[in-house]
Amino acid sequence: MNLQNEKCVIVVDEELPLGIIANTAVILGITLGKTMPEAVGPDVIDQTEKSHLGIIKFPVPVLKSSAEKLKYIREQLYQDDFHDLLVVDFSDLAQSCKTYDDFIQKMTQVPESALKYFGLAICGSKKKVAKIEVTNIEDVVLKGQELTGLKVNTVLENGTKGDLVDVKADMITGYDKTKTGSQTVKVSYEEKEFSFTVYVADKIVKNATELRDALKNQKNGEVIAIKEGTYNMDRDDETKYEDQTGFYFLLTASNFTLKGFGNVVIKSTVESENGVWASQNFVTIAGDNTLIEGITLQCKKEPNKVIEILGKDTTLRSIKVEPMDEVKFAGSIYLSTKAGNTTIENSSLTYGRITTSGASDSTLTLKNVTIDFANAYLDEDTKESTFWGFDNSRTKITVNATDSKVIVSKEFKAAENYQAFTEQLPKGMTVEEK
């Protein structure tokens, strides 16, 4: 017998008097010791050379149950599925007998269904754990916060699940509460590992008011997580930048991160004229090394620039630009960069455009970007496109594109300015007709 793979448990009726509970456990334990002599260890000697008889080599927990549950468990243990388990029972009939011969005789006269069980001892091989699963995982946590509330669920070789176990600190590796960003966390239990990803942020916002407050108090190096929802932004009439106020979404901090979790939509139903710089932009990025990820942007009413980028080394990842309501223009991602590289990856624009008109001495990298500009700003008479879905015709900064495309209408493809449009496209950006 491999004792490391053995597990024993004693279950007693919790409604019994304390003395009978103790008596039941003792009787069950004695029978276990007789049946499994190898489970009892050798005698041990203490420091004063006094001898102590050996005890069982592994723990035997004593659990409480109701009489009805004990009855049900005992009946189930007679099934073939549990034939390999050692089962000892102690009943009301056994407790009432004065001699063992009396016990033998009375048992022959009573059906099993009439017995009331005081306790059961169950022993057998541990079910081998095939894998573990961790539940109650949060996708984002605050910096400095411990991972709490996690549960381990064992999955046995037969596909059944074991009991939920609280995850303790010593079971966790790979988590650093002092660092922001994505972290791969491992939980170990029963020699098995479960990995998951958690994102650590300086702030977590859940509504437009919290987001506005986070923008007003933004700091260099800060990481802000935005939970799923629609964020309808007003204008900020307090924060001043370049002697202007009234920005919808102003980012001035450097090394700043905004990351959405779930379906995050940021928009504004507040209408404003396009004559003033602060009001014509929806998102203004003035800081360096800004990252915006996992967010859908719907430009303000009277769309102009959905994003204007002034700072260097901005990254837009997994961004969607969509029009508001039935408007055929969603605004432009407008580069005004004078240094560094702007990266746009795994993103899409519907009726939106990318233009480098304000940029110089910088580069643009596009990776897996789709611009659906079909029928946007198409002149009904000339069929010329007033604007192009991608425009690098004026500044001609270096553009590196891979797996990217612009979708155009059949009408625009037949227009006179279509050739000029295609000639300024970078390698790695194709045109698709819709």
Protein backbone atom coordinates (compact mmCIF):
# COMPACT_ATOMS: atom_id res chain seq x y z
CA MET A 1 0.00 0.00 0.00
CA ASN A 2 1.26 3.47 -0.99
CA LEU A 3 0.24 5.47 2.08
CA GLN A 4 0.96 8.77 0.30
CA ASN A 5 -1.99 8.06 -1.95
CA GLU A 6 -4.31 7.04 0.89
CA LYS A 7 -6.99 9.24 2.39
CA CYS A 8 -9.19 8.43 5.39
CA VAL A 9 -12.06 10.33 6.93
CA ILE A 10 -14.47 9.73 9.81
CA VAL A 11 -17.98 11.20 9.56
CA VAL A 12 -20.26 11.29 12.63
CA ASP A 13 -23.82 12.37 13.37
CA GLU A 14 -23.51 15.91 14.72
CA GLU A 15 -26.74 15.59 16.76
CA LEU A 16 -25.35 12.81 19.01
CA PRO A 17 -24.24 13.54 22.59
CA LEU A 18 -20.54 14.36 22.87
CA GLY A 19 -19.73 11.14 24.70
CA ILE A 20 -21.30 8.97 21.99
CA ILE A 21 -19.53 10.98 19.27
CA ALA A 22 -16.18 10.27 20.98
CA ASN A 23 -17.09 6.63 21.46
CA THR A 24 -18.11 6.28 17.80
CA ALA A 25 -14.84 7.78 16.56
CA VAL A 26 -12.78 5.51 18.84
CA ILE A 27 -14.57 2.36 17.70
CA LEU A 28 -14.21 3.24 14.03
CA GLY A 29 -10.53 4.08 14.52
CA ILE A 30 -9.76 0.78 16.22
CA THR A 31 -11.28 -1.15 13.32
CA LEU A 32 -9.30 0.92 10.82
CA GLY A 33 -6.09 0.10 12.70
CA LYS A 34 -6.83 -3.62 12.64
CA THR A 35 -7.75 -3.58 8.95
CA MET A 36 -4.81 -1.42 7.90
CA PRO A 37 -1.94 -2.33 10.24
CA GLU A 38 0.59 -0.91 7.77
CA ALA A 39 -0.96 2.53 8.26
CA VAL A 40 0.23 2.56 11.88
CA GLY A 41 3.80 3.70 12.28
CA PRO A 42 6.46 2.17 14.51
CA ASP A 43 6.91 3.13 18.13
CA VAL A 44 8.81 6.37 18.72
CA ILE A 45 11.34 7.32 21.43
CA ASP A 46 11.44 10.77 22.97
CA GLN A 47 14.50 12.65 24.21
CA THR A 48 14.29 11.01 27.64
CA GLU A 49 14.22 7.56 25.98
CA LYS A 50 10.63 6.88 26.91
CA SER A 51 8.66 4.86 24.37
CA HIS A 52 5.41 5.92 22.66
CA LEU A 53 3.32 3.51 20.63
CA GLY A 54 3.06 4.24 16.94
CA ILE A 55 0.05 6.10 15.59
CA ILE A 56 -1.47 6.36 12.14
CA LYS A 57 0.91 7.81 9.54
CA PHE A 58 -1.55 10.20 7.91
CA PRO A 59 -4.28 12.55 9.20
CA VAL A 60 -7.80 11.26 9.72
CA PRO A 61 -10.17 14.25 9.82
CA VAL A 62 -13.42 13.89 11.75
CA LEU A 63 -16.35 15.54 9.97
CA LYS A 64 -19.90 16.34 11.06
CA SER A 65 -23.02 15.31 9.18
CA SER A 66 -26.74 14.76 9.69
CA ALA A 67 -28.21 11.32 10.32
CA GLU A 68 -30.03 11.51 6.98
CA LYS A 69 -26.84 12.34 5.11
CA LEU A 70 -24.97 9.51 6.86
CA LYS A 71 -27.67 7.09 5.79
CA TYR A 72 -27.44 8.29 2.20
CA ILE A 73 -23.63 8.08 2.14
CA ARG A 74 -23.68 4.51 3.51
CA GLU A 75 -26.19 3.40 0.89
CA GLN A 76 -24.09 4.93 -1.88
CA LEU A 77 -20.96 3.19 -0.65
CA TYR A 78 -22.58 -0.18 -1.33
CA GLN A 79 -22.58 0.67 -5.05
CA ASP A 80 -20.04 -0.97 -7.38
CA ASP A 81 -18.39 2.38 -8.08
CA PHE A 82 -17.04 2.37 -4.52
CA HIS A 83 -16.04 -1.25 -4.18
CA ASP A 84 -12.37 -0.32 -3.73
CA LEU A 85 -13.03 1.77 -0.60
CA LEU A 86 -12.66 0.48 2.94
CA VAL A 87 -15.83 1.34 4.87
CA VAL A 88 -16.44 0.88 8.61
CA ASP A 89 -19.82 1.76 10.08
CA PHE A 90 -21.16 2.05 13.62
CA SER A 91 -24.91 1.99 14.13
CA ASP A 92 -27.57 2.37 16.80
CA LEU A 93 -27.94 -1.40 16.85
CA ALA A 94 -24.24 -1.96 17.55
CA GLN A 95 -24.26 0.65 20.30
CA SER A 96 -27.21 -1.05 22.03
CA CYS A 97 -25.60 -4.52 22.22
CA LYS A 98 -23.93 -5.70 25.45
CA THR A 99 -21.86 -8.45 23.82
CA TYR A 100 -20.45 -9.09 20.40
CA ASP A 101 -22.41 -12.35 20.09
CA ASP A 102 -25.54 -10.31 20.75
CA PHE A 103 -24.45 -7.92 17.99
CA ILE A 104 -23.94 -10.78 15.53
CA GLN A 105 -27.33 -12.33 16.27
CA LYS A 106 -29.32 -9.06 16.08
CA MET A 107 -27.73 -8.02 12.78
CA THR A 108 -29.06 -11.18 11.14
CA GLN A 109 -32.59 -10.13 12.05
CA VAL A 110 -32.49 -6.48 10.87
CA PRO A 111 -32.44 -5.18 7.24
CA GLU A 112 -29.82 -2.55 6.37
CA SER A 113 -32.56 -0.02 5.70
CA ALA A 114 -33.58 -0.12 9.38
CA LEU A 115 -30.17 0.85 10.70
CA LYS A 116 -29.41 4.34 11.97
CA TYR A 117 -25.73 5.14 11.49
CA PHE A 118 -23.85 6.99 14.20
CA GLY A 119 -20.69 7.26 12.13
CA LEU A 120 -18.69 6.04 9.15
CA ALA A 121 -14.99 5.63 8.52
CA ILE A 122 -14.01 5.72 4.86
CA CYS A 123 -10.55 4.99 3.54
CA GLY A 124 -9.16 4.56 0.06
CA SER A 125 -6.86 5.85 -2.61
CA LYS A 126 -6.86 9.55 -3.35
CA LYS A 127 -8.34 10.35 -6.72
CA LYS A 128 -5.54 11.57 -8.89
CA VAL A 129 -5.79 15.24 -9.81
CA ALA A 130 -5.58 15.74 -13.58
CA LYS A 131 -5.57 19.56 -13.46
CA ILE A 132 -6.65 22.51 -11.39
CA GLU A 133 -8.81 25.51 -12.21
CA VAL A 134 -8.78 28.88 -10.47
CA THR A 135 -12.00 30.85 -10.09
CA ASN A 136 -12.96 34.36 -8.88
CA ILE A 137 -10.22 35.90 -11.03
CA GLU A 138 -10.35 39.68 -11.50
CA ASP A 139 -9.14 40.96 -14.87
CA VAL A 140 -7.73 44.13 -13.34
CA VAL A 141 -6.58 45.03 -9.81
CA LEU A 142 -5.23 48.16 -8.18
CA LYS A 143 -1.52 48.59 -7.63
CA GLY A 144 -0.63 47.55 -4.08
CA GLN A 145 -3.60 45.20 -3.79
CA GLU A 146 -3.18 41.55 -2.84
CA LEU A 147 -4.90 38.85 -4.88
CA THR A 148 -7.75 37.79 -2.60
CA GLY A 149 -10.84 35.65 -2.95
CA LEU A 150 -9.26 33.19 -5.42
CA LYS A 151 -10.48 29.59 -5.30
CA VAL A 152 -8.89 26.38 -6.59
CA ASN A 153 -11.12 23.71 -8.08
CA THR A 154 -9.47 20.32 -8.63
CA VAL A 155 -10.43 18.34 -11.71
CA LEU A 156 -9.90 14.60 -11.23
CA GLU A 157 -8.89 12.08 -13.88
CA ASN A 158 -12.49 10.94 -14.26
CA GLY A 159 -13.58 14.49 -15.10
CA THR A 160 -15.33 15.19 -11.82
CA LYS A 161 -14.49 18.25 -9.75
CA GLY A 162 -13.36 18.29 -6.18
CA ASP A 163 -13.97 20.79 -3.41
CA LEU A 164 -13.18 24.49 -3.75
CA VAL A 165 -10.03 25.46 -1.87
CA ASP A 166 -9.04 28.99 -0.82
CA VAL A 167 -5.87 30.17 -2.56
CA LYS A 168 -3.25 31.20 -0.01
CA ALA A 169 -0.34 33.56 -0.61
CA ASP A 170 2.25 30.77 -0.67
CA MET A 171 0.39 29.14 -3.59
CA ILE A 172 0.86 32.22 -5.83
CA THR A 173 3.91 33.06 -7.94
CA GLY A 174 4.54 35.67 -10.63
CA TYR A 175 2.48 38.45 -9.06
CA ASP A 176 4.07 41.75 -8.08
CA LYS A 177 1.64 44.21 -6.52
CA THR A 178 4.22 47.01 -6.79
CA LYS A 179 4.36 46.97 -10.62
CA THR A 180 1.72 48.07 -13.11
CA GLY A 181 0.88 46.35 -16.36
CA SER A 182 -0.02 42.84 -17.46
CA GLN A 183 1.29 39.98 -15.28
CA THR A 184 1.14 36.20 -15.69
CA VAL A 185 0.21 34.65 -12.36
CA LYS A 186 0.65 30.98 -11.44
CA VAL A 187 -1.25 29.10 -8.74
CA SER A 188 0.18 25.75 -7.58
CA TYR A 189 -1.83 23.06 -5.80
CA GLU A 190 -1.46 19.27 -5.60
CA GLU A 191 1.63 19.52 -7.82
CA LYS A 192 -0.45 21.14 -10.56
CA GLU A 193 -0.28 24.69 -11.93
CA PHE A 194 -2.87 27.09 -13.27
CA SER A 195 -1.85 30.28 -15.09
CA PHE A 196 -3.88 33.40 -15.72
CA THR A 197 -3.28 37.04 -16.61
CA VAL A 198 -4.07 39.96 -14.38
CA TYR A 199 -3.62 43.65 -15.15
CA VAL A 200 -2.35 45.97 -12.43
CA ALA A 201 -3.39 49.63 -12.68
CA ASP A 202 -2.89 52.82 -10.68
CA LYS A 203 -6.58 53.70 -11.09
CA ILE A 204 -9.70 51.85 -12.17
CA VAL A 205 -12.55 53.96 -13.55
CA LYS A 206 -16.13 52.81 -14.02
CA ASN A 207 -18.04 55.88 -15.25
CA ALA A 208 -17.59 59.18 -17.08
CA THR A 209 -17.28 61.20 -13.86
CA GLU A 210 -14.41 59.02 -12.62
CA LEU A 211 -12.75 59.18 -16.04
CA ARG A 212 -12.98 62.97 -16.13
CA ASP A 213 -11.45 63.14 -12.64
CA ALA A 214 -8.63 60.80 -13.70
CA LEU A 215 -7.86 63.01 -16.72
CA LYS A 216 -7.83 66.17 -14.62
CA ASN A 217 -5.36 64.58 -12.17
CA GLN A 218 -3.23 62.56 -14.60
CA LYS A 219 0.42 61.96 -13.74
CA ASN A 220 3.50 60.91 -15.67
CA GLY A 221 3.89 57.13 -15.75
CA GLU A 222 0.31 56.49 -14.64
CA VAL A 223 -1.71 53.46 -15.76
CA ILE A 224 -5.49 53.83 -15.85
CA ALA A 225 -7.84 50.90 -16.45
CA ILE A 226 -11.30 51.63 -17.88
CA LYS A 227 -14.01 49.08 -17.14
CA GLU A 228 -16.66 48.08 -19.66
CA GLY A 229 -19.31 50.65 -20.43
CA THR A 230 -20.21 53.76 -22.45
CA TYR A 231 -18.51 56.98 -21.33
CA ASN A 232 -20.27 60.14 -22.55
CA MET A 233 -17.76 62.92 -21.96
CA ASP A 234 -18.49 66.58 -21.39
CA ARG A 235 -15.94 69.37 -22.01
CA ASP A 236 -13.34 70.31 -19.42
CA ASP A 237 -13.66 74.05 -18.87
CA GLU A 238 -11.07 74.11 -16.05
CA THR A 239 -7.90 72.47 -17.38
CA LYS A 240 -5.83 74.88 -19.47
CA TYR A 241 -3.42 73.81 -22.20
CA GLU A 242 -1.74 76.21 -24.67
CA ASP A 243 -3.93 78.99 -23.21
CA GLN A 244 -7.13 77.12 -24.13
CA THR A 245 -9.79 75.31 -22.12
CA GLY A 246 -12.76 73.23 -23.16
CA PHE A 247 -10.92 70.09 -24.28
CA TYR A 248 -12.97 66.94 -24.43
CA PHE A 249 -10.19 64.46 -23.75
CA LEU A 250 -6.76 65.94 -23.09
CA LEU A 251 -3.67 63.84 -22.37
CA THR A 252 -0.59 65.83 -21.38
CA ALA A 253 1.22 63.34 -19.12
CA SER A 254 4.11 61.29 -20.54
CA ASN A 255 4.50 57.51 -20.24
CA PHE A 256 0.75 57.41 -19.72
CA THR A 257 -1.48 54.36 -20.36
CA LEU A 258 -5.23 54.04 -20.89
CA LYS A 259 -6.45 50.47 -21.23
CA GLY A 260 -10.03 49.34 -21.73
CA PHE A 261 -11.48 46.10 -20.38
CA GLY A 262 -14.49 44.65 -22.17
CA ASN A 263 -16.56 46.81 -24.53
CA VAL A 264 -15.44 50.36 -23.69
CA VAL A 265 -17.00 53.15 -25.76
CA ILE A 266 -15.91 56.76 -25.25
CA LYS A 267 -17.94 59.45 -27.00
CA SER A 268 -19.49 62.86 -26.53
CA THR A 269 -22.94 64.11 -27.40
CA VAL A 270 -21.84 67.65 -26.50
CA GLU A 271 -21.79 69.63 -29.75
CA SER A 272 -19.21 72.34 -30.43
CA GLU A 273 -17.98 74.34 -33.41
CA ASN A 274 -14.70 73.44 -35.07
CA GLY A 275 -13.19 76.91 -35.15
CA VAL A 276 -11.28 76.62 -31.87
CA TRP A 277 -8.51 74.03 -31.49
CA ALA A 278 -9.69 72.78 -28.09
CA SER A 279 -13.21 72.14 -29.36
CA GLN A 280 -12.37 70.68 -32.78
CA ASN A 281 -10.41 67.73 -31.30
CA PHE A 282 -12.07 64.90 -29.46
CA VAL A 283 -8.88 63.30 -28.08
CA THR A 284 -5.71 65.42 -27.86
CA ILE A 285 -2.45 63.59 -27.10
CA ALA A 286 0.29 66.03 -26.11
CA GLY A 287 2.45 63.80 -23.89
CA ASP A 288 5.20 61.43 -25.03
CA ASN A 289 5.05 57.62 -24.92
CA THR A 290 1.27 57.44 -24.62
CA LEU A 291 -0.54 54.09 -24.96
CA ILE A 292 -4.27 53.81 -25.62
CA GLU A 293 -5.57 50.24 -25.91
CA GLY A 294 -8.87 48.41 -26.21
CA ILE A 295 -11.17 51.41 -26.65
CA THR A 296 -13.86 52.40 -29.16
CA LEU A 297 -13.95 56.13 -29.96
CA GLN A 298 -16.95 57.95 -31.33
CA CYS A 299 -16.05 61.50 -32.26
CA LYS A 300 -17.91 64.43 -30.81
CA LYS A 301 -20.84 65.90 -32.67
CA GLU A 302 -19.61 68.06 -35.57
CA PRO A 303 -16.70 65.61 -36.04
CA ASN A 304 -13.26 66.84 -36.97
CA LYS A 305 -10.21 65.17 -35.43
CA VAL A 306 -11.13 62.09 -33.44
CA ILE A 307 -7.50 62.04 -32.24
CA GLU A 308 -4.75 64.60 -32.73
CA ILE A 309 -1.29 63.34 -31.84
CA LEU A 310 1.37 65.93 -30.94
CA GLY A 311 3.62 63.91 -28.65
CA LYS A 312 6.24 61.44 -29.83
CA ASP A 313 6.07 57.64 -29.68
CA THR A 314 2.32 57.26 -29.28
CA THR A 315 0.81 53.77 -29.61
CA LEU A 316 -2.84 53.11 -30.47
CA ARG A 317 -3.59 49.41 -30.07
CA SER A 318 -6.88 47.58 -30.64
CA ILE A 319 -8.67 50.86 -31.26
CA LYS A 320 -11.99 51.23 -33.08
CA VAL A 321 -13.05 54.56 -34.57
CA GLU A 322 -16.75 54.64 -35.35
CA PRO A 323 -19.19 57.34 -36.47
CA MET A 324 -21.86 58.61 -34.14
CA ASP A 325 -25.42 57.89 -35.18
CA GLU A 326 -25.79 58.01 -38.99
CA VAL A 327 -22.98 60.47 -39.68
CA LYS A 328 -20.81 59.48 -42.67
CA PHE A 329 -17.63 60.78 -41.08
CA ALA A 330 -16.08 59.52 -37.84
CA GLY A 331 -13.20 62.00 -37.72
CA SER A 332 -9.50 61.71 -38.49
CA ILE A 333 -6.50 60.40 -36.63
CA TYR A 334 -4.39 63.46 -37.30
CA LEU A 335 -0.61 63.42 -36.86
CA SER A 336 1.05 66.66 -35.79
CA THR A 337 4.18 64.86 -34.59
CA LYS A 338 7.62 66.44 -35.03
CA ALA A 339 9.70 63.53 -33.73
CA GLY A 340 9.50 59.86 -32.85
CA ASN A 341 7.29 57.09 -34.21
CA THR A 342 3.52 56.74 -34.00
CA THR A 343 2.25 53.14 -34.02
CA ILE A 344 -1.31 52.10 -34.86
CA GLU A 345 -1.92 48.36 -34.68
CA ASN A 346 -4.79 45.88 -34.72
CA SER A 347 -7.21 48.76 -35.21
CA SER A 348 -10.10 49.75 -37.47
CA LEU A 349 -11.70 52.98 -38.64
CA THR A 350 -15.24 53.08 -40.04
CA TYR A 351 -15.74 56.32 -42.01
CA GLY A 352 -12.61 57.53 -40.28
CA ARG A 353 -9.31 58.52 -41.84
CA ILE A 354 -5.61 58.76 -41.04
CA THR A 355 -3.74 61.84 -42.17
CA THR A 356 -0.17 63.00 -41.61
CA SER A 357 -0.87 66.59 -42.69
CA GLY A 358 0.58 68.19 -39.57
CA ALA A 359 3.57 65.88 -39.13
CA SER A 360 7.23 66.26 -39.99
CA ASP A 361 10.55 64.59 -39.06
CA SER A 362 8.71 61.54 -37.67
CA THR A 363 7.47 58.13 -38.78
CA LEU A 364 4.22 56.19 -38.76
CA THR A 365 3.93 52.43 -38.36
CA LEU A 366 0.71 50.63 -39.31
CA LYS A 367 0.13 46.98 -38.40
CA ASN A 368 -3.14 45.25 -39.25
CA VAL A 369 -5.10 48.46 -39.72
CA THR A 370 -8.36 48.55 -41.69
CA ILE A 371 -9.81 51.87 -42.87
CA ASP A 372 -13.34 51.60 -44.26
CA PHE A 373 -13.79 54.93 -46.03
CA ALA A 374 -16.19 53.78 -48.73
CA ASN A 375 -18.78 56.49 -49.54
CA ALA A 376 -17.41 58.83 -46.91
CA TYR A 377 -17.21 62.40 -48.17
CA LEU A 378 -17.96 61.35 -51.74
CA ASP A 379 -19.08 64.26 -53.95
CA GLU A 380 -22.40 63.32 -55.54
CA ASP A 381 -21.68 65.14 -58.80
CA THR A 382 -17.98 64.56 -59.47
CA LYS A 383 -17.70 61.28 -57.51
CA GLU A 384 -14.40 62.63 -56.23
CA SER A 385 -13.56 62.00 -52.60
CA THR A 386 -13.24 65.29 -50.73
CA PHE A 387 -10.93 63.51 -48.30
CA TRP A 388 -8.98 60.26 -48.56
CA GLY A 389 -9.13 57.43 -46.06
CA PHE A 390 -5.35 57.58 -45.80
CA ASP A 391 -3.47 60.74 -46.73
CA ASN A 392 0.30 61.19 -46.67
CA SER A 393 0.35 63.30 -49.81
CA ARG A 394 1.44 66.61 -48.32
CA THR A 395 4.03 65.96 -45.62
CA LYS A 396 5.23 62.60 -46.99
CA ILE A 397 6.65 61.30 -43.72
CA THR A 398 8.00 57.76 -43.64
CA VAL A 399 5.17 55.24 -43.30
CA ASN A 400 5.80 51.54 -42.65
CA ALA A 401 2.70 49.43 -43.20
CA THR A 402 2.00 45.70 -42.91
CA ASP A 403 -1.28 43.83 -43.37
CA SER A 404 -3.20 47.10 -43.68
CA LYS A 405 -5.85 48.23 -46.14
CA VAL A 406 -8.17 51.02 -47.19
CA ILE A 407 -11.68 50.13 -48.36
CA VAL A 408 -13.07 52.44 -51.05
CA SER A 409 -16.29 52.69 -53.05
CA LYS A 410 -16.67 51.68 -56.70
CA GLU A 411 -17.41 55.31 -57.54
CA PHE A 412 -14.20 56.59 -55.99
CA LYS A 413 -12.19 53.89 -57.75
CA ALA A 414 -13.43 55.33 -61.07
CA ALA A 415 -12.80 58.98 -60.09
CA GLU A 416 -10.00 61.14 -61.48
CA ASN A 417 -8.21 61.59 -58.15
CA TYR A 418 -8.11 57.85 -57.41
CA GLN A 419 -4.69 57.42 -59.05
CA ALA A 420 -3.20 60.23 -56.98
CA PHE A 421 -4.63 58.54 -53.89
CA THR A 422 -3.04 55.18 -54.70
CA GLU A 423 0.35 56.68 -55.57
CA GLN A 424 0.83 58.07 -52.06
CA LEU A 425 -0.07 54.83 -50.29
CA PRO A 426 2.83 53.10 -48.52
CA LYS A 427 3.95 49.57 -49.36
CA GLY A 428 2.08 47.09 -47.23
CA MET A 429 -1.21 48.98 -47.54
CA THR A 430 -3.65 47.65 -50.10
CA VAL A 431 -6.93 48.93 -51.54
CA GLU A 432 -10.15 46.94 -51.40
CA GLU A 433 -13.32 47.81 -53.27
CA LYS A 434 -16.70 47.77 -51.52
